[in-house]
Amino acid sequence: MKNSVLIVTLVIVALILGLAIFSSWKYKDNANLRLVLKGKKEELKKTEATSRKVEELKKQSQELKRSEEKIYTMVPVGQEKPFKLIKEISLLAASLGLKSLEFNLPSENGQDENKDVSLGGSVNSAGSSQPQGHAPGADVSLGGANPNPRVNLSKDAPKPIVIEMSCQATLDVLVNFLNKVGNLERLVNIQKMVIERDGEILPFQKISLELITYYY
């Protein structure tokens, strides 16, 4: 009887010790898992913070690229002869009702390089034009913003180009035209304007404009 009680007691003690050892092991295991989980959470936070910074940098880079593209649209690279701009202005003027359009690109030495120019030639009221010195159908590069311009915007200053324009227009049409020219993608400023009254063409007036644009 005593042996049976002793055996049962020993079994119970063994079970209690085993349970205590198992519980201690599980506690340590759980504690280690909590430490690992905490470390993973911290790594995840760092990764998310880095990811947000990367996304922010990407957005800033895209914004800078768009700003740069806008700059090169307003002031393109290597377009000493702004034929595309002259065509755009001539078509705009013709669509608004300006008449007798003529353009001229004066050279730096004061002599006219291209007399009555639009894309290098004269323009009629319908806005048609032909580059001077080019046969019909000849390839004339109108250009655009240089996709890979080698220009240092912080150091290279844009160069001005003067475009002389003469036409006939009523004053309200002229005001409308000047407003639209100021909103063109390429930067254009009105440097000088002369309005001459001519009784033979009323209500139209003789208009002389000196436009200035820029290029790198």
N, C-alpha and C. Protein backbone atom coordinates (compact mmCIF):
# COMPACT_ATOMS: atom_id res chain seq x y z
N MET A 1 0.83 -1.21 0.00
CA MET A 1 0.00 0.00 0.00
C MET A 1 0.85 1.24 0.00
N LYS A 2 1.84 1.20 0.91
CA LYS A 2 2.74 2.35 0.99
C LYS A 2 3.50 2.52 -0.30
N ASN A 3 3.88 1.41 -0.93
CA ASN A 3 4.63 1.50 -2.20
C ASN A 3 3.76 2.12 -3.30
N SER A 4 2.49 1.72 -3.28
CA SER A 4 1.59 2.27 -4.30
C SER A 4 1.44 3.76 -4.14
N VAL A 5 1.29 4.21 -2.90
CA VAL A 5 1.16 5.65 -2.64
C VAL A 5 2.43 6.37 -3.05
N LEU A 6 3.56 5.76 -2.78
CA LEU A 6 4.85 6.38 -3.13
C LEU A 6 5.00 6.51 -4.64
N ILE A 7 4.58 5.43 -5.32
CA ILE A 7 4.71 5.45 -6.78
C ILE A 7 3.81 6.53 -7.37
N VAL A 8 2.57 6.61 -6.86
CA VAL A 8 1.65 7.63 -7.35
C VAL A 8 2.19 9.02 -7.07
N THR A 9 2.77 9.18 -5.86
CA THR A 9 3.34 10.47 -5.50
C THR A 9 4.48 10.85 -6.43
N LEU A 10 5.34 9.87 -6.70
CA LEU A 10 6.48 10.12 -7.58
C LEU A 10 6.01 10.47 -9.01
N VAL A 11 4.97 9.77 -9.44
CA VAL A 11 4.45 10.03 -10.78
C VAL A 11 3.88 11.46 -10.87
N ILE A 12 3.15 11.82 -9.81
CA ILE A 12 2.57 13.17 -9.79
C ILE A 12 3.66 14.22 -9.77
N VAL A 13 4.69 13.99 -8.93
CA VAL A 13 5.81 14.95 -8.86
C VAL A 13 6.51 15.04 -10.21
N ALA A 14 6.69 13.86 -10.85
CA ALA A 14 7.35 13.85 -12.17
C ALA A 14 6.53 14.63 -13.19
N LEU A 15 5.21 14.42 -13.12
CA LEU A 15 4.34 15.13 -14.05
C LEU A 15 4.41 16.64 -13.81
N ILE A 16 4.40 17.02 -12.54
CA ILE A 16 4.46 18.44 -12.21
C ILE A 16 5.78 19.04 -12.68
N LEU A 17 6.88 18.32 -12.43
CA LEU A 17 8.20 18.81 -12.87
C LEU A 17 8.26 18.90 -14.41
N GLY A 18 7.72 17.86 -15.06
CA GLY A 18 7.72 17.88 -16.52
C GLY A 18 6.90 19.04 -17.07
N LEU A 19 5.74 19.24 -16.43
CA LEU A 19 4.90 20.35 -16.87
C LEU A 19 5.58 21.69 -16.64
N ALA A 20 6.28 21.79 -15.49
CA ALA A 20 7.00 23.04 -15.19
C ALA A 20 8.12 23.27 -16.18
N ILE A 21 8.85 22.18 -16.50
CA ILE A 21 9.95 22.32 -17.47
C ILE A 21 9.41 22.69 -18.86
N PHE A 22 8.30 22.01 -19.24
CA PHE A 22 7.70 22.29 -20.55
C PHE A 22 7.18 23.73 -20.62
N SER A 23 6.55 24.18 -19.51
CA SER A 23 6.03 25.54 -19.47
C SER A 23 7.16 26.55 -19.54
N SER A 24 8.26 26.24 -18.84
CA SER A 24 9.42 27.15 -18.87
C SER A 24 10.00 27.23 -20.28
N TRP A 25 10.07 26.08 -20.96
CA TRP A 25 10.62 26.04 -22.32
C TRP A 25 9.72 26.81 -23.29
N LYS A 26 8.40 26.61 -23.13
CA LYS A 26 7.46 27.31 -24.00
C LYS A 26 7.50 28.82 -23.75
N TYR A 27 7.68 29.20 -22.49
CA TYR A 27 7.75 30.63 -22.15
C TYR A 27 8.97 31.26 -22.81
N LYS A 28 10.11 30.54 -22.70
CA LYS A 28 11.33 31.06 -23.32
C LYS A 28 11.17 31.12 -24.84
N ASP A 29 10.53 30.07 -25.39
CA ASP A 29 10.33 30.04 -26.83
C ASP A 29 9.44 31.20 -27.27
N ASN A 30 8.37 31.42 -26.53
CA ASN A 30 7.47 32.51 -26.85
C ASN A 30 8.16 33.87 -26.71
N ALA A 31 8.99 33.99 -25.66
CA ALA A 31 9.74 35.23 -25.45
C ALA A 31 10.67 35.49 -26.62
N ASN A 32 11.34 34.42 -27.09
CA ASN A 32 12.24 34.57 -28.25
C ASN A 32 11.46 34.96 -29.50
N LEU A 33 10.27 34.33 -29.66
CA LEU A 33 9.44 34.66 -30.81
C LEU A 33 8.98 36.12 -30.76
N ARG A 34 8.66 36.59 -29.54
CA ARG A 34 8.24 37.98 -29.40
C ARG A 34 9.37 38.93 -29.75
N LEU A 35 10.60 38.57 -29.36
CA LEU A 35 11.76 39.40 -29.70
C LEU A 35 11.99 39.44 -31.21
N VAL A 36 11.86 38.24 -31.83
CA VAL A 36 12.03 38.16 -33.29
C VAL A 36 10.95 38.98 -33.99
N LEU A 37 9.70 38.83 -33.49
CA LEU A 37 8.59 39.56 -34.08
C LEU A 37 8.78 41.07 -33.93
N LYS A 38 9.25 41.49 -32.78
CA LYS A 38 9.52 42.91 -32.55
C LYS A 38 10.58 43.43 -33.51
N GLY A 39 11.63 42.62 -33.70
CA GLY A 39 12.69 43.01 -34.63
C GLY A 39 12.18 43.11 -36.06
N LYS A 40 11.30 42.14 -36.45
CA LYS A 40 10.73 42.17 -37.79
C LYS A 40 9.85 43.39 -37.99
N LYS A 41 9.09 43.74 -36.93
CA LYS A 41 8.23 44.91 -37.02
C LYS A 41 9.06 46.19 -37.20
N GLU A 42 10.17 46.26 -36.48
CA GLU A 42 11.04 47.43 -36.61
C GLU A 42 11.66 47.48 -38.01
N GLU A 43 12.07 46.31 -38.52
CA GLU A 43 12.61 46.26 -39.88
C GLU A 43 11.55 46.68 -40.90
N LEU A 44 10.31 46.21 -40.66
CA LEU A 44 9.22 46.56 -41.56
C LEU A 44 8.96 48.06 -41.56
N LYS A 45 9.00 48.67 -40.37
CA LYS A 45 8.82 50.12 -40.26
C LYS A 45 9.91 50.86 -41.02
N LYS A 46 11.16 50.39 -40.86
CA LYS A 46 12.28 51.02 -41.57
C LYS A 46 12.11 50.87 -43.08
N THR A 47 11.68 49.66 -43.50
CA THR A 47 11.49 49.41 -44.93
C THR A 47 10.39 50.30 -45.49
N GLU A 48 9.29 50.42 -44.73
CA GLU A 48 8.18 51.27 -45.18
C GLU A 48 8.61 52.73 -45.25
N ALA A 49 9.42 53.16 -44.24
CA ALA A 49 9.90 54.54 -44.25
C ALA A 49 10.81 54.78 -45.46
N THR A 50 11.68 53.80 -45.74
CA THR A 50 12.57 53.91 -46.90
C THR A 50 11.78 53.92 -48.20
N SER A 51 10.73 53.07 -48.25
CA SER A 51 9.89 53.00 -49.44
C SER A 51 9.18 54.33 -49.68
N ARG A 52 8.69 54.94 -48.59
CA ARG A 52 8.03 56.24 -48.73
C ARG A 52 9.00 57.29 -49.23
N LYS A 53 10.24 57.24 -48.71
CA LYS A 53 11.26 58.19 -49.16
C LYS A 53 11.57 57.98 -50.64
N VAL A 54 11.65 56.71 -51.05
CA VAL A 54 11.94 56.41 -52.46
C VAL A 54 10.81 56.93 -53.34
N GLU A 55 9.55 56.70 -52.93
CA GLU A 55 8.41 57.19 -53.70
C GLU A 55 8.42 58.72 -53.77
N GLU A 56 8.76 59.33 -52.65
CA GLU A 56 8.83 60.80 -52.62
C GLU A 56 9.91 61.31 -53.55
N LEU A 57 11.07 60.63 -53.54
CA LEU A 57 12.16 61.02 -54.43
C LEU A 57 11.76 60.82 -55.90
N LYS A 58 11.02 59.74 -56.17
CA LYS A 58 10.55 59.51 -57.54
C LYS A 58 9.62 60.63 -57.99
N LYS A 59 8.71 61.03 -57.11
CA LYS A 59 7.79 62.11 -57.44
C LYS A 59 8.54 63.41 -57.68
N GLN A 60 9.54 63.68 -56.81
CA GLN A 60 10.33 64.89 -56.99
C GLN A 60 11.10 64.85 -58.31
N SER A 61 11.64 63.66 -58.63
CA SER A 61 12.37 63.52 -59.89
C SER A 61 11.45 63.74 -61.09
N GLN A 62 10.23 63.16 -61.03
CA GLN A 62 9.28 63.35 -62.12
C GLN A 62 8.87 64.81 -62.26
N GLU A 63 8.69 65.48 -61.11
CA GLU A 63 8.31 66.90 -61.14
C GLU A 63 9.43 67.74 -61.74
N LEU A 64 10.67 67.42 -61.37
CA LEU A 64 11.81 68.14 -61.95
C LEU A 64 11.91 67.91 -63.45
N LYS A 65 11.64 66.67 -63.86
CA LYS A 65 11.68 66.35 -65.29
C LYS A 65 10.62 67.12 -66.05
N ARG A 66 9.40 67.19 -65.47
CA ARG A 66 8.33 67.96 -66.13
C ARG A 66 8.69 69.44 -66.20
N SER A 67 9.29 69.95 -65.12
CA SER A 67 9.69 71.37 -65.11
C SER A 67 10.76 71.62 -66.17
N GLU A 68 11.71 70.69 -66.28
CA GLU A 68 12.77 70.84 -67.28
C GLU A 68 12.20 70.80 -68.69
N GLU A 69 11.26 69.87 -68.92
CA GLU A 69 10.63 69.78 -70.24
C GLU A 69 9.88 71.07 -70.57
N LYS A 70 9.23 71.65 -69.56
CA LYS A 70 8.51 72.90 -69.77
C LYS A 70 9.47 74.03 -70.12
N ILE A 71 10.63 74.05 -69.44
CA ILE A 71 11.64 75.08 -69.72
C ILE A 71 12.11 74.96 -71.17
N TYR A 72 12.38 73.72 -71.62
CA TYR A 72 12.90 73.53 -72.98
C TYR A 72 11.81 73.70 -74.03
N THR A 73 10.54 73.68 -73.61
CA THR A 73 9.46 74.03 -74.53
C THR A 73 9.38 75.55 -74.68
N MET A 74 9.53 76.25 -73.55
CA MET A 74 9.48 77.72 -73.58
C MET A 74 10.73 78.30 -74.23
N VAL A 75 11.89 77.70 -73.92
CA VAL A 75 13.17 78.17 -74.46
C VAL A 75 13.92 76.94 -75.01
N PRO A 76 13.67 76.57 -76.27
CA PRO A 76 14.25 75.35 -76.82
C PRO A 76 15.75 75.47 -77.06
N VAL A 77 16.34 74.32 -77.39
CA VAL A 77 17.78 74.24 -77.60
C VAL A 77 18.11 74.29 -79.08
N GLY A 78 19.07 75.13 -79.45
CA GLY A 78 19.63 75.13 -80.80
C GLY A 78 18.70 75.58 -81.90
N GLN A 79 17.73 76.42 -81.60
CA GLN A 79 16.82 76.92 -82.64
C GLN A 79 17.09 78.40 -82.90
N GLU A 80 18.17 78.66 -83.61
CA GLU A 80 18.53 80.04 -83.93
C GLU A 80 17.53 80.65 -84.91
N LYS A 81 16.92 79.83 -85.75
CA LYS A 81 15.91 80.28 -86.69
C LYS A 81 14.56 79.72 -86.23
N PRO A 82 13.74 80.52 -85.62
CA PRO A 82 12.49 80.00 -85.01
C PRO A 82 11.37 79.83 -86.02
N PHE A 83 11.62 79.00 -87.06
CA PHE A 83 10.64 78.85 -88.13
C PHE A 83 9.32 78.26 -87.63
N LYS A 84 9.41 77.29 -86.73
CA LYS A 84 8.19 76.68 -86.20
C LYS A 84 7.36 77.71 -85.45
N LEU A 85 8.02 78.54 -84.67
CA LEU A 85 7.31 79.57 -83.91
C LEU A 85 6.66 80.59 -84.85
N ILE A 86 7.40 80.99 -85.90
CA ILE A 86 6.86 81.95 -86.86
C ILE A 86 5.63 81.38 -87.55
N LYS A 87 5.69 80.10 -87.91
CA LYS A 87 4.53 79.48 -88.55
C LYS A 87 3.35 79.46 -87.58
N GLU A 88 3.63 79.13 -86.32
CA GLU A 88 2.56 79.09 -85.32
C GLU A 88 1.92 80.46 -85.14
N ILE A 89 2.76 81.50 -85.08
CA ILE A 89 2.24 82.87 -84.93
C ILE A 89 1.46 83.29 -86.17
N SER A 90 1.98 82.95 -87.34
CA SER A 90 1.30 83.35 -88.58
C SER A 90 -0.06 82.68 -88.72
N LEU A 91 -0.14 81.40 -88.36
CA LEU A 91 -1.42 80.69 -88.43
C LEU A 91 -2.40 81.26 -87.41
N LEU A 92 -1.89 81.57 -86.22
CA LEU A 92 -2.74 82.18 -85.20
C LEU A 92 -3.27 83.53 -85.67
N ALA A 93 -2.37 84.35 -86.23
CA ALA A 93 -2.77 85.68 -86.70
C ALA A 93 -3.81 85.58 -87.81
N ALA A 94 -3.58 84.67 -88.75
CA ALA A 94 -4.51 84.51 -89.86
C ALA A 94 -5.87 84.03 -89.37
N SER A 95 -5.87 83.15 -88.37
CA SER A 95 -7.14 82.62 -87.86
C SER A 95 -7.95 83.70 -87.14
N LEU A 96 -7.27 84.70 -86.60
CA LEU A 96 -7.96 85.77 -85.88
C LEU A 96 -8.38 86.91 -86.79
N GLY A 97 -7.90 86.91 -88.04
CA GLY A 97 -8.33 87.94 -88.98
C GLY A 97 -7.31 89.02 -89.27
N LEU A 98 -6.06 88.85 -88.84
CA LEU A 98 -5.01 89.80 -89.20
C LEU A 98 -4.68 89.62 -90.68
N LYS A 99 -4.38 90.71 -91.38
CA LYS A 99 -4.13 90.66 -92.82
C LYS A 99 -2.73 91.15 -93.13
N SER A 100 -2.30 90.87 -94.37
CA SER A 100 -1.02 91.35 -94.90
C SER A 100 0.13 91.04 -93.94
N LEU A 101 0.21 89.80 -93.52
CA LEU A 101 1.24 89.39 -92.57
C LEU A 101 2.60 89.31 -93.23
N GLU A 102 3.59 89.90 -92.60
CA GLU A 102 4.98 89.78 -93.05
C GLU A 102 5.87 89.63 -91.83
N PHE A 103 6.89 88.76 -91.97
CA PHE A 103 7.84 88.53 -90.88
C PHE A 103 9.26 88.75 -91.39
N ASN A 104 10.11 89.14 -90.48
CA ASN A 104 11.50 89.40 -90.82
C ASN A 104 12.38 89.04 -89.64
N LEU A 105 13.49 88.37 -89.93
CA LEU A 105 14.48 88.03 -88.90
C LEU A 105 15.73 88.86 -89.15
N PRO A 106 15.92 89.97 -88.43
CA PRO A 106 17.12 90.78 -88.63
C PRO A 106 18.35 90.06 -88.09
N SER A 107 19.47 90.22 -88.81
CA SER A 107 20.71 89.61 -88.37
C SER A 107 21.36 90.47 -87.30
N GLU A 108 22.41 89.93 -86.66
CA GLU A 108 23.09 90.65 -85.58
C GLU A 108 23.79 91.91 -86.08
N ASN A 109 24.19 91.92 -87.39
CA ASN A 109 24.91 93.09 -87.90
C ASN A 109 23.96 94.17 -88.41
N GLY A 110 22.66 93.96 -88.20
CA GLY A 110 21.70 94.99 -88.55
C GLY A 110 21.09 94.83 -89.92
N GLN A 111 21.61 93.88 -90.74
CA GLN A 111 21.04 93.64 -92.06
C GLN A 111 20.03 92.51 -91.98
N ASP A 112 19.05 92.57 -92.85
CA ASP A 112 18.02 91.55 -92.83
C ASP A 112 18.55 90.26 -93.42
N GLU A 113 18.52 89.20 -92.62
CA GLU A 113 18.93 87.90 -93.14
C GLU A 113 17.83 87.29 -93.99
N ASN A 114 16.59 87.45 -93.53
CA ASN A 114 15.45 86.87 -94.22
C ASN A 114 14.36 87.91 -94.31
N LYS A 115 14.16 88.45 -95.46
CA LYS A 115 13.14 89.48 -95.65
C LYS A 115 11.79 88.82 -95.88
N ASP A 116 10.75 89.33 -95.22
CA ASP A 116 9.40 88.81 -95.34
C ASP A 116 9.38 87.31 -95.07
N VAL A 117 9.66 86.97 -93.81
CA VAL A 117 9.86 85.57 -93.45
C VAL A 117 8.68 85.02 -92.67
N SER A 118 8.24 83.84 -93.05
CA SER A 118 7.48 82.97 -92.16
C SER A 118 7.89 81.58 -92.58
N LEU A 119 8.56 80.88 -91.69
CA LEU A 119 9.29 79.70 -92.11
C LEU A 119 10.26 80.09 -93.22
N GLY A 120 10.73 81.35 -93.19
CA GLY A 120 11.65 81.83 -94.19
C GLY A 120 11.00 82.48 -95.39
N GLY A 121 9.65 82.64 -95.45
CA GLY A 121 8.98 83.22 -96.62
C GLY A 121 7.78 84.02 -96.21
N SER A 122 7.14 84.68 -97.17
CA SER A 122 6.00 85.54 -96.86
C SER A 122 4.76 84.70 -96.58
N VAL A 123 3.81 85.31 -95.88
CA VAL A 123 2.58 84.62 -95.50
C VAL A 123 1.40 85.38 -96.01
N ASN A 124 0.42 84.70 -96.58
CA ASN A 124 -0.79 85.40 -96.99
C ASN A 124 -1.84 85.29 -95.89
N SER A 125 -3.02 85.83 -96.14
CA SER A 125 -4.03 85.89 -95.09
C SER A 125 -4.54 84.52 -94.70
N ALA A 126 -4.32 83.52 -95.52
CA ALA A 126 -4.74 82.17 -95.16
C ALA A 126 -3.72 81.45 -94.32
N GLY A 127 -2.54 82.08 -94.15
CA GLY A 127 -1.53 81.49 -93.28
C GLY A 127 -0.62 80.51 -93.97
N SER A 128 -0.71 80.38 -95.33
CA SER A 128 0.18 79.46 -96.02
C SER A 128 1.56 80.08 -96.13
N SER A 129 2.58 79.24 -96.19
CA SER A 129 3.94 79.77 -96.20
C SER A 129 4.88 78.79 -96.86
N GLN A 130 6.02 79.30 -97.30
CA GLN A 130 7.05 78.46 -97.88
C GLN A 130 8.40 78.99 -97.45
N PRO A 131 9.27 78.16 -96.86
CA PRO A 131 10.58 78.62 -96.42
C PRO A 131 11.39 79.22 -97.54
N GLN A 132 11.96 80.38 -97.28
CA GLN A 132 12.81 81.03 -98.27
C GLN A 132 14.08 80.22 -98.46
N GLY A 133 14.48 80.04 -99.72
CA GLY A 133 15.70 79.31 -100.00
C GLY A 133 15.50 77.80 -100.00
N HIS A 134 14.23 77.33 -99.88
CA HIS A 134 13.95 75.91 -99.91
C HIS A 134 12.92 75.65 -101.01
N ALA A 135 13.19 74.67 -101.81
CA ALA A 135 12.24 74.30 -102.85
C ALA A 135 11.01 73.68 -102.22
N PRO A 136 9.85 73.78 -102.92
CA PRO A 136 8.65 73.15 -102.39
C PRO A 136 8.88 71.67 -102.10
N GLY A 137 8.47 71.25 -100.93
CA GLY A 137 8.64 69.86 -100.55
C GLY A 137 9.97 69.58 -99.89
N ALA A 138 10.86 70.60 -99.85
CA ALA A 138 12.16 70.38 -99.22
C ALA A 138 11.98 70.17 -97.73
N ASP A 139 12.87 69.40 -97.15
CA ASP A 139 12.79 69.09 -95.73
C ASP A 139 13.29 70.27 -94.92
N VAL A 140 12.41 70.83 -94.12
CA VAL A 140 12.79 71.94 -93.24
C VAL A 140 12.57 71.49 -91.82
N SER A 141 13.61 71.46 -91.02
CA SER A 141 13.50 71.03 -89.63
C SER A 141 12.87 72.12 -88.80
N LEU A 142 11.66 71.83 -88.29
CA LEU A 142 10.98 72.80 -87.45
C LEU A 142 11.44 72.69 -86.02
N GLY A 143 11.93 71.52 -85.63
CA GLY A 143 12.51 71.37 -84.30
C GLY A 143 11.47 71.30 -83.21
N GLY A 144 11.96 71.17 -81.99
CA GLY A 144 11.15 71.08 -80.79
C GLY A 144 12.08 71.08 -79.62
N ALA A 145 11.56 70.80 -78.42
CA ALA A 145 12.42 70.74 -77.25
C ALA A 145 13.39 69.57 -77.41
N ASN A 146 14.67 69.83 -77.24
CA ASN A 146 15.69 68.80 -77.36
C ASN A 146 15.48 67.75 -76.29
N PRO A 147 15.29 66.46 -76.67
CA PRO A 147 15.02 65.44 -75.65
C PRO A 147 16.23 65.20 -74.75
N ASN A 148 17.44 65.45 -75.27
CA ASN A 148 18.64 65.27 -74.46
C ASN A 148 19.53 66.52 -74.55
N PRO A 149 19.04 67.65 -74.09
CA PRO A 149 19.81 68.88 -74.23
C PRO A 149 21.01 68.90 -73.30
N ARG A 150 22.14 69.29 -73.85
CA ARG A 150 23.33 69.42 -73.01
C ARG A 150 23.47 70.88 -72.62
N VAL A 151 22.59 71.30 -71.75
CA VAL A 151 22.55 72.68 -71.32
C VAL A 151 22.57 72.72 -69.81
N ASN A 152 23.41 73.55 -69.27
CA ASN A 152 23.44 73.76 -67.83
C ASN A 152 22.57 74.98 -67.51
N LEU A 153 21.37 74.72 -67.01
CA LEU A 153 20.42 75.80 -66.79
C LEU A 153 20.92 76.82 -65.78
N SER A 154 21.81 76.38 -64.87
CA SER A 154 22.31 77.30 -63.85
C SER A 154 23.43 78.18 -64.37
N LYS A 155 24.02 77.83 -65.53
CA LYS A 155 25.16 78.58 -66.05
C LYS A 155 24.90 79.19 -67.42
N ASP A 156 24.22 78.44 -68.30
CA ASP A 156 24.02 78.90 -69.67
C ASP A 156 22.84 79.86 -69.75
N ALA A 157 23.09 81.06 -70.23
CA ALA A 157 22.01 82.06 -70.36
C ALA A 157 21.33 81.90 -71.71
N PRO A 158 20.01 82.01 -71.77
CA PRO A 158 19.31 81.92 -73.06
C PRO A 158 19.65 83.11 -73.95
N LYS A 159 19.71 82.86 -75.26
CA LYS A 159 20.03 83.91 -76.24
C LYS A 159 18.74 84.43 -76.85
N PRO A 160 18.63 85.74 -77.06
CA PRO A 160 17.40 86.31 -77.62
C PRO A 160 17.38 86.22 -79.15
N ILE A 161 16.17 86.12 -79.69
CA ILE A 161 15.94 86.19 -81.12
C ILE A 161 14.85 87.23 -81.37
N VAL A 162 15.14 88.18 -82.23
CA VAL A 162 14.15 89.22 -82.55
C VAL A 162 13.40 88.82 -83.81
N ILE A 163 12.08 88.91 -83.76
CA ILE A 163 11.22 88.65 -84.92
C ILE A 163 10.43 89.92 -85.19
N GLU A 164 10.62 90.49 -86.38
CA GLU A 164 9.86 91.67 -86.77
C GLU A 164 8.62 91.23 -87.54
N MET A 165 7.51 91.77 -87.16
CA MET A 165 6.23 91.38 -87.77
C MET A 165 5.44 92.62 -88.15
N SER A 166 4.86 92.61 -89.32
CA SER A 166 3.97 93.70 -89.74
C SER A 166 2.67 93.08 -90.23
N CYS A 167 1.58 93.82 -90.04
CA CYS A 167 0.28 93.30 -90.42
C CYS A 167 -0.74 94.43 -90.44
N GLN A 168 -1.95 94.10 -90.78
CA GLN A 168 -3.08 95.02 -90.68
C GLN A 168 -4.14 94.35 -89.81
N ALA A 169 -4.68 95.12 -88.84
CA ALA A 169 -5.66 94.55 -87.93
C ALA A 169 -6.47 95.65 -87.28
N THR A 170 -7.67 95.31 -86.86
CA THR A 170 -8.44 96.22 -86.02
C THR A 170 -7.89 96.13 -84.61
N LEU A 171 -8.18 97.13 -83.79
CA LEU A 171 -7.58 97.17 -82.46
C LEU A 171 -8.06 96.02 -81.58
N ASP A 172 -9.34 95.66 -81.67
CA ASP A 172 -9.84 94.56 -80.82
C ASP A 172 -9.21 93.23 -81.23
N VAL A 173 -9.04 93.02 -82.53
CA VAL A 173 -8.37 91.81 -83.00
C VAL A 173 -6.92 91.79 -82.58
N LEU A 174 -6.27 92.94 -82.63
CA LEU A 174 -4.87 93.04 -82.21
C LEU A 174 -4.72 92.67 -80.74
N VAL A 175 -5.59 93.19 -79.89
CA VAL A 175 -5.53 92.88 -78.45
C VAL A 175 -5.71 91.38 -78.23
N ASN A 176 -6.66 90.80 -78.93
CA ASN A 176 -6.90 89.35 -78.81
C ASN A 176 -5.67 88.56 -79.25
N PHE A 177 -5.06 88.99 -80.35
CA PHE A 177 -3.86 88.34 -80.87
C PHE A 177 -2.71 88.42 -79.86
N LEU A 178 -2.49 89.59 -79.29
CA LEU A 178 -1.39 89.75 -78.33
C LEU A 178 -1.59 88.88 -77.10
N ASN A 179 -2.85 88.77 -76.63
CA ASN A 179 -3.12 87.91 -75.48
C ASN A 179 -2.81 86.46 -75.78
N LYS A 180 -3.16 85.99 -76.97
CA LYS A 180 -2.92 84.60 -77.34
C LYS A 180 -1.43 84.34 -77.58
N VAL A 181 -0.72 85.31 -78.13
CA VAL A 181 0.72 85.15 -78.33
C VAL A 181 1.42 85.00 -76.97
N GLY A 182 0.94 85.76 -75.99
CA GLY A 182 1.53 85.67 -74.65
C GLY A 182 1.29 84.34 -73.97
N ASN A 183 0.35 83.53 -74.50
CA ASN A 183 0.04 82.24 -73.90
C ASN A 183 0.57 81.06 -74.71
N LEU A 184 1.40 81.33 -75.72
CA LEU A 184 2.00 80.24 -76.49
C LEU A 184 2.95 79.44 -75.60
N GLU A 185 3.15 78.16 -75.99
CA GLU A 185 4.06 77.32 -75.20
C GLU A 185 5.47 77.90 -75.18
N ARG A 186 5.92 78.38 -76.34
CA ARG A 186 7.25 78.98 -76.39
C ARG A 186 7.16 80.42 -75.91
N LEU A 187 8.15 80.82 -75.14
CA LEU A 187 8.17 82.15 -74.54
C LEU A 187 8.31 83.21 -75.63
N VAL A 188 7.35 84.15 -75.66
CA VAL A 188 7.38 85.26 -76.62
C VAL A 188 7.00 86.53 -75.87
N ASN A 189 7.84 87.55 -75.98
CA ASN A 189 7.55 88.85 -75.38
C ASN A 189 7.39 89.90 -76.48
N ILE A 190 6.54 90.88 -76.21
CA ILE A 190 6.37 92.00 -77.13
C ILE A 190 7.36 93.08 -76.72
N GLN A 191 8.37 93.30 -77.55
CA GLN A 191 9.41 94.26 -77.21
C GLN A 191 9.08 95.67 -77.70
N LYS A 192 8.38 95.76 -78.83
CA LYS A 192 8.07 97.07 -79.41
C LYS A 192 6.82 96.95 -80.27
N MET A 193 5.99 98.00 -80.28
CA MET A 193 4.79 97.98 -81.11
C MET A 193 4.52 99.39 -81.63
N VAL A 194 4.23 99.49 -82.93
CA VAL A 194 3.89 100.77 -83.56
C VAL A 194 2.57 100.60 -84.30
N ILE A 195 1.61 101.48 -84.02
CA ILE A 195 0.30 101.45 -84.68
C ILE A 195 0.19 102.70 -85.55
N GLU A 196 0.00 102.49 -86.86
CA GLU A 196 -0.08 103.61 -87.80
C GLU A 196 -1.47 103.66 -88.42
N ARG A 197 -2.13 104.81 -88.28
CA ARG A 197 -3.48 104.97 -88.82
C ARG A 197 -3.40 105.26 -90.32
N ASP A 198 -4.20 104.53 -91.09
CA ASP A 198 -4.27 104.72 -92.54
C ASP A 198 -5.74 104.76 -92.93
N GLY A 199 -6.19 105.92 -93.39
CA GLY A 199 -7.60 106.09 -93.72
C GLY A 199 -8.08 105.18 -94.82
N GLU A 200 -7.17 104.71 -95.68
CA GLU A 200 -7.57 103.89 -96.82
C GLU A 200 -7.94 102.46 -96.41
N ILE A 201 -7.52 102.02 -95.23
CA ILE A 201 -7.78 100.62 -94.84
C ILE A 201 -8.65 100.53 -93.60
N LEU A 202 -9.22 101.66 -93.15
CA LEU A 202 -10.07 101.63 -91.95
C LEU A 202 -11.19 100.59 -92.11
N PRO A 203 -11.60 99.89 -91.05
CA PRO A 203 -11.19 100.08 -89.64
C PRO A 203 -9.87 99.42 -89.27
N PHE A 204 -9.15 98.88 -90.28
CA PHE A 204 -7.85 98.26 -90.00
C PHE A 204 -6.79 99.33 -89.78
N GLN A 205 -5.76 98.95 -89.02
CA GLN A 205 -4.61 99.81 -88.76
C GLN A 205 -3.35 99.07 -89.21
N LYS A 206 -2.34 99.83 -89.57
CA LYS A 206 -1.05 99.22 -89.88
C LYS A 206 -0.30 98.97 -88.56
N ILE A 207 0.09 97.74 -88.35
CA ILE A 207 0.73 97.35 -87.09
C ILE A 207 2.15 96.87 -87.38
N SER A 208 3.09 97.36 -86.60
CA SER A 208 4.46 96.85 -86.64
C SER A 208 4.82 96.35 -85.24
N LEU A 209 5.24 95.09 -85.16
CA LEU A 209 5.58 94.48 -83.87
C LEU A 209 7.02 93.99 -83.89
N GLU A 210 7.65 94.10 -82.76
CA GLU A 210 8.98 93.51 -82.58
C GLU A 210 8.84 92.49 -81.45
N LEU A 211 8.83 91.23 -81.85
CA LEU A 211 8.70 90.14 -80.88
C LEU A 211 10.09 89.64 -80.51
N ILE A 212 10.20 89.13 -79.29
CA ILE A 212 11.49 88.56 -78.88
C ILE A 212 11.23 87.21 -78.23
N THR A 213 11.98 86.22 -78.68
CA THR A 213 11.93 84.90 -78.09
C THR A 213 13.36 84.48 -77.76
N TYR A 214 13.53 83.27 -77.22
CA TYR A 214 14.86 82.88 -76.72
C TYR A 214 15.15 81.44 -77.09
N TYR A 215 16.43 81.09 -77.09
CA TYR A 215 16.86 79.72 -77.29
C TYR A 215 18.16 79.50 -76.54
N TYR A 216 18.46 78.24 -76.26
CA TYR A 216 19.75 77.85 -75.64
C TYR A 216 20.71 77.38 -76.71
